[in-house]
Protein backbone atom coordinates (compact mmCIF):
# COMPACT_ATOMS: atom_id res chain seq x y z
CA MET A 1 7.62 36.28 30.84
CA ALA A 2 4.99 33.99 29.83
CA PRO A 3 5.40 31.94 26.61
CA ARG A 4 3.72 33.50 23.51
CA ARG A 5 0.72 31.52 22.44
CA THR A 6 0.46 30.82 18.78
CA ARG A 7 -3.04 30.91 17.42
CA THR A 8 -3.88 28.00 15.23
CA THR A 9 -6.47 27.94 12.57
CA ALA A 10 -8.75 25.22 11.35
CA ARG A 11 -6.54 24.71 8.36
CA ASP A 12 -3.45 24.30 10.64
CA ARG A 13 -5.33 21.65 12.84
CA SER A 14 -6.66 19.79 9.81
CA ARG A 15 -3.04 19.49 8.41
CA ARG A 16 -1.73 18.31 11.60
CA VAL A 17 -4.48 15.60 11.92
CA LEU A 18 -4.63 14.46 8.37
CA SER A 19 -0.95 15.08 7.38
CA GLN A 20 -1.90 17.03 4.31
CA ASN A 21 0.87 17.98 2.01
CA SER A 22 -0.37 18.76 -1.43
CA LEU A 23 1.53 17.56 -4.53
CA THR A 24 2.10 20.84 -6.46
CA ASP A 25 5.04 20.08 -8.86
CA PRO A 26 3.70 19.34 -12.28
CA ALA A 27 6.48 16.92 -13.08
CA ALA A 28 5.78 14.89 -9.96
CA VAL A 29 1.95 14.90 -10.76
CA ALA A 30 2.69 13.60 -14.21
CA ARG A 31 5.01 10.85 -12.84
CA PHE A 32 2.47 9.79 -10.34
CA VAL A 33 -0.28 9.56 -13.02
CA ARG A 34 2.06 7.51 -15.21
CA ALA A 35 2.71 5.21 -12.36
CA ALA A 36 -1.03 4.81 -11.66
CA ARG A 37 -1.68 3.80 -15.22
CA PRO A 38 -5.46 4.31 -14.94
CA ASP A 39 -7.59 1.95 -17.12
CA PRO A 40 -10.08 3.96 -19.19
CA ASP A 41 -12.83 1.43 -18.42
CA ASP A 42 -12.19 1.08 -14.65
CA LEU A 43 -13.75 2.83 -11.70
CA LEU A 44 -11.07 4.93 -10.01
CA LEU A 45 -11.36 5.99 -6.41
CA GLU A 46 -9.02 8.82 -5.29
CA VAL A 47 -8.18 9.08 -1.52
CA GLY A 48 -7.32 12.41 -0.01
CA ALA A 49 -8.14 14.36 -3.25
CA GLY A 50 -7.31 17.64 -1.55
CA ARG A 51 -8.11 20.53 -3.96
CA GLY A 52 -7.87 18.30 -6.97
CA GLN A 53 -4.24 18.55 -7.92
CA LEU A 54 -4.35 14.93 -8.97
CA THR A 55 -7.99 14.86 -9.68
CA ARG A 56 -7.80 16.73 -12.99
CA PRO A 57 -5.05 14.74 -14.73
CA LEU A 58 -6.46 11.36 -13.45
CA ALA A 59 -9.96 12.30 -14.77
CA ALA A 60 -8.55 12.66 -18.23
CA HIS A 61 -7.40 9.01 -18.17
CA CYS A 62 -10.48 7.22 -16.82
CA ARG A 63 -14.26 7.15 -17.52
CA ARG A 64 -15.29 7.38 -13.88
CA LEU A 65 -13.59 8.89 -10.84
CA VAL A 66 -14.77 9.20 -7.24
CA ALA A 67 -12.79 11.81 -5.30
CA TYR A 68 -12.84 11.43 -1.51
CA GLU A 69 -11.80 14.28 0.85
CA VAL A 70 -12.98 14.67 4.36
CA ASP A 71 -10.99 17.93 5.14
CA PRO A 72 -13.67 20.72 5.55
CA THR A 73 -11.24 23.35 4.60
CA VAL A 74 -10.88 22.18 1.12
CA THR A 75 -14.01 20.44 0.25
CA ALA A 76 -15.54 23.42 -1.40
CA ASP A 77 -12.58 23.89 -3.76
CA LEU A 78 -12.58 20.25 -4.64
CA ALA A 79 -16.29 20.31 -5.27
CA ALA A 80 -15.84 23.02 -7.75
CA VAL A 81 -13.11 21.08 -9.56
CA CYS A 82 -15.27 17.90 -9.73
CA ALA A 83 -18.30 19.78 -10.90
CA ALA A 84 -16.34 20.75 -14.02
CA LEU A 85 -15.12 17.35 -14.87
CA PRO A 86 -17.35 14.82 -16.66
CA GLY A 87 -17.65 11.48 -14.99
CA VAL A 88 -16.12 12.77 -11.61
CA ASP A 89 -18.02 12.50 -8.37
CA HIS A 90 -17.04 14.33 -5.19
CA ARG A 91 -17.58 12.65 -1.86
CA PRO A 92 -16.89 14.68 1.42
CA VAL A 93 -16.72 11.52 3.49
CA ASP A 94 -14.04 9.46 5.25
CA PHE A 95 -12.74 6.85 2.74
CA LEU A 96 -11.93 4.31 5.38
CA THR A 97 -15.68 4.18 6.21
CA VAL A 98 -16.82 3.43 2.73
CA ALA A 99 -17.71 0.01 1.62
CA PRO A 100 -15.71 -1.25 -1.39
CA PRO A 101 -17.61 -1.30 -4.66
CA GLU A 102 -18.77 -4.60 -5.92
CA GLU A 103 -17.35 -3.95 -9.42
CA PRO A 104 -13.60 -4.09 -10.21
CA PHE A 105 -11.84 -0.70 -9.33
CA ALA A 106 -8.52 0.80 -8.62
CA VAL A 107 -7.39 3.23 -5.84
CA VAL A 108 -5.08 6.18 -6.20
CA GLY A 109 -4.14 8.96 -3.90
CA ASN A 110 -1.62 11.36 -2.16
CA ILE A 111 -2.91 9.82 1.16
CA PRO A 112 -2.53 11.38 4.64
CA TRP A 113 0.74 9.66 5.71
CA SER A 114 -0.54 9.11 9.25
CA LEU A 115 -3.36 6.85 7.82
CA THR A 116 -1.15 4.93 5.31
CA ALA A 117 -1.41 1.56 7.23
CA ALA A 118 -5.22 1.91 7.48
CA VAL A 119 -5.55 2.73 3.75
CA VAL A 120 -3.35 -0.13 2.72
CA ARG A 121 -5.50 -2.52 4.97
CA TRP A 122 -8.64 -1.23 3.30
CA CYS A 123 -7.26 -1.98 -0.07
CA LEU A 124 -6.03 -5.46 0.83
CA ALA A 125 -9.38 -6.31 2.19
CA ALA A 126 -11.38 -5.08 -0.79
CA PRO A 127 -12.32 -8.03 -3.09
CA GLY A 128 -12.72 -5.95 -6.22
CA LEU A 129 -9.54 -3.99 -5.96
CA ARG A 130 -7.24 -4.38 -9.07
CA SER A 131 -4.55 -2.05 -8.01
CA ALA A 132 -3.58 0.80 -5.59
CA THR A 133 -1.05 3.55 -6.42
CA LEU A 134 -0.38 5.60 -3.23
CA LEU A 135 2.07 8.34 -2.36
CA THR A 136 3.50 7.36 1.08
CA GLN A 137 6.53 8.25 2.92
CA LEU A 138 9.56 6.91 1.07
CA GLU A 139 10.63 4.64 3.88
CA TYR A 140 7.24 3.02 4.05
CA ALA A 141 7.24 2.24 0.36
CA ARG A 142 10.82 0.95 0.38
CA LYS A 143 9.96 -1.33 3.25
CA ARG A 144 6.86 -2.81 1.77
CA SER A 145 8.32 -3.36 -1.63
CA GLY A 146 11.63 -4.89 -0.32
CA ASN A 147 13.76 -2.04 -1.54
CA TYR A 148 15.99 -2.22 1.49
CA GLY A 149 16.74 -5.97 0.71
CA ARG A 150 14.43 -6.99 3.52
CA TRP A 151 10.85 -8.05 3.37
CA THR A 152 8.03 -7.34 5.93
CA ARG A 153 5.54 -9.74 7.24
CA LEU A 154 2.67 -8.01 5.51
CA THR A 155 4.32 -8.13 2.06
CA VAL A 156 5.28 -11.75 2.41
CA SER A 157 1.93 -12.87 3.80
CA THR A 158 0.01 -11.22 0.91
CA TRP A 159 2.58 -11.99 -1.88
CA PRO A 160 0.60 -14.86 -3.42
CA GLU A 161 -2.27 -12.50 -4.15
CA PHE A 162 -0.51 -9.07 -4.50
CA SER A 163 2.55 -7.62 -6.00
CA TRP A 164 4.33 -4.74 -4.17
CA ARG A 165 6.49 -2.32 -6.08
CA LEU A 166 8.25 0.95 -5.51
CA ALA A 167 7.19 2.84 -8.76
CA GLY A 168 9.08 6.03 -8.21
CA ARG A 169 10.40 8.57 -5.70
CA VAL A 170 9.12 12.05 -5.22
CA PRO A 171 11.27 14.77 -3.50
CA ARG A 172 9.91 16.60 -0.55
CA THR A 173 10.14 19.92 -2.33
CA ALA A 174 7.40 18.80 -4.71
CA PHE A 175 4.84 19.26 -1.82
CA ARG A 176 3.32 22.18 -0.11
CA PRO A 177 3.84 22.58 2.73
CA VAL A 178 7.24 20.85 2.46
CA PRO A 179 7.29 17.63 4.59
CA ARG A 180 10.35 16.53 6.48
CA VAL A 181 11.00 13.45 4.19
CA ASP A 182 10.69 12.47 0.56
CA ALA A 183 7.79 10.34 -0.73
CA GLY A 184 7.64 7.05 -2.49
CA ILE A 185 5.05 5.84 -5.06
CA LEU A 186 3.94 2.59 -3.76
CA ARG A 187 2.17 0.37 -6.40
CA LEU A 188 0.11 -2.60 -5.10
CA GLY A 189 -1.44 -4.90 -7.71
CA ARG A 190 -3.68 -7.82 -7.40
CA ARG A 191 -2.35 -10.82 -9.42
CA PRO A 192 -4.67 -12.01 -12.08
CA GLU A 193 -4.26 -15.53 -10.50
CA PRO A 194 -2.91 -16.27 -6.93
CA LEU A 195 0.57 -17.97 -6.89
CA LEU A 196 -1.00 -20.58 -4.74
CA PRO A 197 -4.35 -22.34 -4.82
CA THR A 198 -6.93 -20.32 -3.00
CA VAL A 199 -7.62 -23.12 -0.55
CA ALA A 200 -3.98 -23.20 0.49
CA LEU A 201 -3.67 -19.35 1.24
CA PRO A 202 -4.75 -19.69 5.01
CA ALA A 203 -2.06 -22.29 5.62
CA TYR A 204 0.58 -20.15 3.84
CA ARG A 205 -0.39 -17.10 5.98
CA ARG A 206 -0.17 -19.29 9.07
CA MET A 207 3.38 -20.33 8.02
CA VAL A 208 4.48 -16.82 7.50
CA GLU A 209 3.04 -15.81 10.96
CA LEU A 210 5.00 -18.68 12.43
CA GLY A 211 8.17 -17.73 10.71
CA PHE A 212 7.94 -14.11 11.65
CA GLY A 213 6.89 -14.87 15.17
CA GLY A 214 10.35 -15.44 16.33
CA VAL A 215 9.80 -18.79 18.14
CA GLY A 216 13.25 -20.35 18.69
CA GLY A 217 15.10 -17.29 17.66
CA SER A 218 15.47 -18.11 14.02
CA LEU A 219 13.26 -19.04 10.97
CA ALA A 220 14.53 -22.56 11.03
CA ALA A 221 13.72 -23.02 14.71
CA SER A 222 10.24 -21.45 14.14
CA LEU A 223 9.37 -23.78 11.25
CA ARG A 224 10.66 -26.71 13.29
CA ALA A 225 7.93 -25.89 15.82
CA ALA A 226 5.35 -27.06 13.25
CA HIS A 227 7.36 -29.41 11.06
CA PRO A 228 9.91 -32.25 11.59
CA ARG A 229 13.40 -31.02 11.75
CA PRO A 230 14.78 -33.12 8.72
CA ARG A 231 11.82 -31.85 6.59
CA VAL A 232 12.63 -28.21 7.45
CA ASP A 233 16.28 -28.72 6.95
CA ALA A 234 15.80 -30.26 3.55
CA ALA A 235 13.42 -27.51 2.57
CA LEU A 236 15.96 -24.78 3.66
CA ARG A 237 18.70 -26.44 1.57
CA ALA A 238 16.41 -26.63 -1.42
CA VAL A 239 16.02 -22.90 -1.43
CA ARG A 240 19.62 -22.27 -0.44
CA LEU A 241 18.83 -20.66 2.80
CA ASP A 242 21.22 -20.80 5.80
CA PRO A 243 19.40 -21.78 8.93
CA ALA A 244 20.62 -18.63 10.60
CA THR A 245 19.25 -16.31 7.79
CA PRO A 246 17.18 -13.48 9.37
CA VAL A 247 13.48 -13.92 8.60
CA GLY A 248 13.39 -10.54 6.96
CA ALA A 249 15.95 -11.46 4.42
CA VAL A 250 13.98 -14.32 2.99
CA TRP A 251 12.58 -13.44 -0.38
CA PRO A 252 8.84 -13.93 -0.96
CA GLU A 253 9.66 -16.43 -3.78
CA GLN A 254 11.59 -18.45 -1.26
CA TRP A 255 8.74 -18.38 1.22
CA LEU A 256 6.48 -19.93 -1.67
CA VAL A 257 8.94 -22.70 -2.36
CA LEU A 258 9.33 -23.39 1.34
CA PHE A 259 5.58 -23.70 1.76
CA ARG A 260 5.23 -26.16 -1.18
CA LEU A 261 8.03 -28.23 0.24
CA LEU A 262 6.79 -28.36 3.76
CA HIS A 263 3.14 -28.87 2.84
CA ALA A 264 3.63 -31.31 -0.05
CA ARG A 265 1.84 -34.53 0.61
CA ARG A 266 4.07 -37.45 1.33
CA ALA A 267 3.94 -40.33 -0.94
């Protein structure tokens, strides 16, 4: 007997491609809005606005909001929601293709989980970004914020300019359709002033790339590829790091001290 074919609709295909899971629980919506902390004077960009479940409460806390939603199966509903809200503009285009505003702005959104990395990269590259509050898979948010006690290359390399924080958890049952895993509220914030001089940031990022590159099998060995062994060993002792410490277990603050020690000008 031939297998039965299941007929898929445009909505089904859209959900599969865009990983759309609407946040429908009122308590979870309120928790997300509190975590986003919209500034009344800031321009707010909402990614993956869906049918406006977050758009309405976010609009109540800011003067201007642009809601992006590319899914054709929900754009009509979102357009109707936005039309009834003052200061809200609906854009039925792909957020990732949009040039960042020249003025300061913040990003929020229950983003398609399959596009998380791309949205985060867009945010990090936007000069005017002040903050990004994103609903992601919980595992992604925990990894990026060091919640597992380990730190990723992206978090460490951007630490002088951005803070990464797990601002809350949202159970999978708060979404429709219900996803397989819980969500995390990832809060990415640009620091008012970088923790290192701007001119030093490229060298810092090169050091992080070297450290995570695995040359020699350990952080100490990787750093010794670019710096004298005594200097590296002294720097590791100063930050109380065993040379055998896995690179992911090194705190961002320790990376900053290592950089300052290894790149300090010799008298």
